[in-house]
């Protein structure tokens, strides 16, 4: 579904910290920290994973699954569209 590396990359693309991500997906900060610290595909409560993936999607993140079409191949993460610039610039 989503790897820890994809989660960290998605958060970096959005320029948000773990606390902000936790708020956006209605999960606890320790849950986000555990997810990011895991190896490979994140395992856990299905409801929590769905909340996480949904919040990332709403924020404009597109998760690229293994085997999905992408120019470079492999797993990844990309923005559906550029994020709004900070300060309205």
Protein backbone atom coordinates (compact mmCIF):
# COMPACT_ATOMS: atom_id res chain seq x y z
CA UNK A 1 0.00 0.00 0.00
CA UNK A 2 2.58 2.62 1.12
CA UNK A 3 6.17 2.31 2.26
CA UNK A 4 7.87 4.28 5.01
CA UNK A 5 10.11 5.90 2.39
CA UNK A 6 7.06 6.98 0.36
CA UNK A 7 5.51 8.45 3.49
CA UNK A 8 8.64 10.46 4.34
CA UNK A 9 8.94 11.65 0.72
CA UNK A 10 5.28 12.66 0.59
CA UNK A 11 5.61 14.65 3.78
CA UNK A 12 8.74 16.35 2.45
CA UNK A 13 6.98 17.28 -0.81
CA UNK A 14 4.15 18.83 1.20
CA UNK A 15 6.65 20.61 3.46
CA UNK A 16 4.85 19.52 6.62
CA UNK A 17 6.15 17.99 9.83
CA UNK A 18 4.97 14.79 11.47
CA UNK A 19 2.66 16.68 13.82
CA UNK A 20 0.88 18.40 10.93
CA UNK A 21 0.47 15.10 9.09
CA UNK A 22 -0.95 13.49 12.22
CA UNK A 23 -3.53 16.28 12.51
CA UNK A 24 -4.47 16.06 8.83
CA UNK A 25 -5.21 12.34 9.02
CA UNK A 26 -6.60 12.27 12.59
CA UNK A 27 -3.88 9.94 13.89
CA UNK A 28 -1.57 10.35 16.87
CA UNK A 29 1.95 11.70 16.47
CA UNK A 30 3.46 8.43 17.83
CA UNK A 31 1.52 6.50 15.16
CA UNK A 32 3.03 8.63 12.39
CA UNK A 33 6.48 8.28 13.96
CA UNK A 34 6.13 4.48 14.09
CA UNK A 35 4.96 4.37 10.48
CA UNK A 36 7.92 6.43 9.27
CA UNK A 37 10.40 4.40 11.31
CA UNK A 38 9.23 1.06 9.90
CA UNK A 39 11.06 -0.85 7.18
CA UNK A 40 9.46 -1.39 3.79
CA UNK A 41 5.68 -1.48 3.44
CA UNK A 42 3.93 0.05 6.44
CA UNK A 43 1.92 -2.52 8.35
CA UNK A 44 -0.73 -1.65 10.85
CA UNK A 45 -4.37 -0.95 11.44
CA UNK A 46 -6.17 -0.81 8.08
CA UNK A 47 -8.31 2.13 9.20
CA UNK A 48 -5.19 4.11 10.11
CA UNK A 49 -3.56 3.34 6.76
CA UNK A 50 -6.69 4.39 4.88
CA UNK A 51 -6.84 7.67 6.84
CA UNK A 52 -3.18 8.31 6.03
CA UNK A 53 -3.46 7.56 2.31
CA UNK A 54 -6.69 9.56 2.02
CA UNK A 55 -5.15 12.60 3.74
CA UNK A 56 -2.12 12.46 1.45
CA UNK A 57 -4.37 12.21 -1.60
CA UNK A 58 -6.46 15.20 -0.48
CA UNK A 59 -3.20 17.14 -0.04
CA UNK A 60 -2.25 16.37 -3.65
CA UNK A 61 0.03 13.37 -3.26
CA UNK A 62 -0.14 10.52 -5.76
CA UNK A 63 1.39 7.28 -4.53
CA UNK A 64 2.99 5.18 -7.24
CA UNK A 65 2.75 1.46 -6.59
CA UNK A 66 5.32 -1.10 -7.66
CA UNK A 67 4.73 -1.95 -11.31
CA UNK A 68 2.66 1.18 -11.96
CA UNK A 69 3.51 3.26 -15.00
CA UNK A 70 6.05 5.96 -14.26
CA UNK A 71 8.92 7.38 -16.26
CA UNK A 72 11.59 6.04 -13.91
CA UNK A 73 9.88 2.81 -12.82
CA UNK A 74 9.63 1.42 -9.30
CA UNK A 75 7.80 2.76 -6.30
CA UNK A 76 7.62 6.47 -5.75
CA UNK A 77 5.56 9.46 -4.89
CA UNK A 78 4.71 12.54 -6.90
CA UNK A 79 2.58 15.61 -6.57
CA UNK A 80 -0.58 15.67 -8.68
CA UNK A 81 0.01 19.39 -9.11
CA UNK A 82 2.52 21.84 -7.58
CA UNK A 83 1.78 22.82 -3.97
CA UNK A 84 0.75 26.43 -3.33
CA UNK A 85 3.80 28.55 -2.61
CA UNK A 86 4.42 29.69 0.93
CA UNK A 87 3.25 33.22 1.62
CA UNK A 88 1.13 33.34 -1.53
CA UNK A 89 4.09 33.94 -3.85
